[in-house]
Amino acid sequence: HVQLVESGGGLVQPGDSLRLSCAASGRFFDTYGMGWFRQAPGKERQFVGGINYNGRVTFYADSLEGRITISRDNDKNTVALQMNSLEPEDTAVYYCAATEKAFYSGSRFPDDYDYWGQGTRVTVSS
C-alpha cells in the first residue's frame, strides 16, 4: 500500500512553467509504475503521462509531448511533473497515481491504477 500527496499547484500565467511533485509513503514505491492525470471541470480524467518503476521509461500523452517531462527519485519516493509553456487549457486538478501491475506500459486508463493522491489544482490565467 502507498499513500500519495501532490504539491506544487497554483495560479500561473500563460507561458509559465510549473513543477508538480508527488510524494509517496509506504513500502515498495520503487516497484510501482506511476502516472499523472488531470481533470478539468466538467471533463473526464485525462492521462498526462507516466513513468516506469526505475524511471528509465516514460510515457506522454500525444497532445502534451514536448511540453512536459516526468521524472522520479526512488531514493526520495517522489515523482515530478515538469510542465512548460502552460496554456489556459492546462487548467485542471492534477493527480498522481500508482499501479502495482507488473510491466507498466503507461496505461491511459484510470482504472488501471491502484492508488491516487488527492490532487493539486493548477490554474493558468492572465
Foldseek 3Di string as FASTA:
>chain_A
DKAKAKDWADEAAAQAKTKMKIAIDDPDQLQKKKWKWWDDPPDDIWTAKIAGSNFPDIGGDPVQPPFWDWGDDVVRRMIMIIGGRDDQVPWTWMKMFIANDPPDDTDGDPVRTDYIYPTDTHGYHD
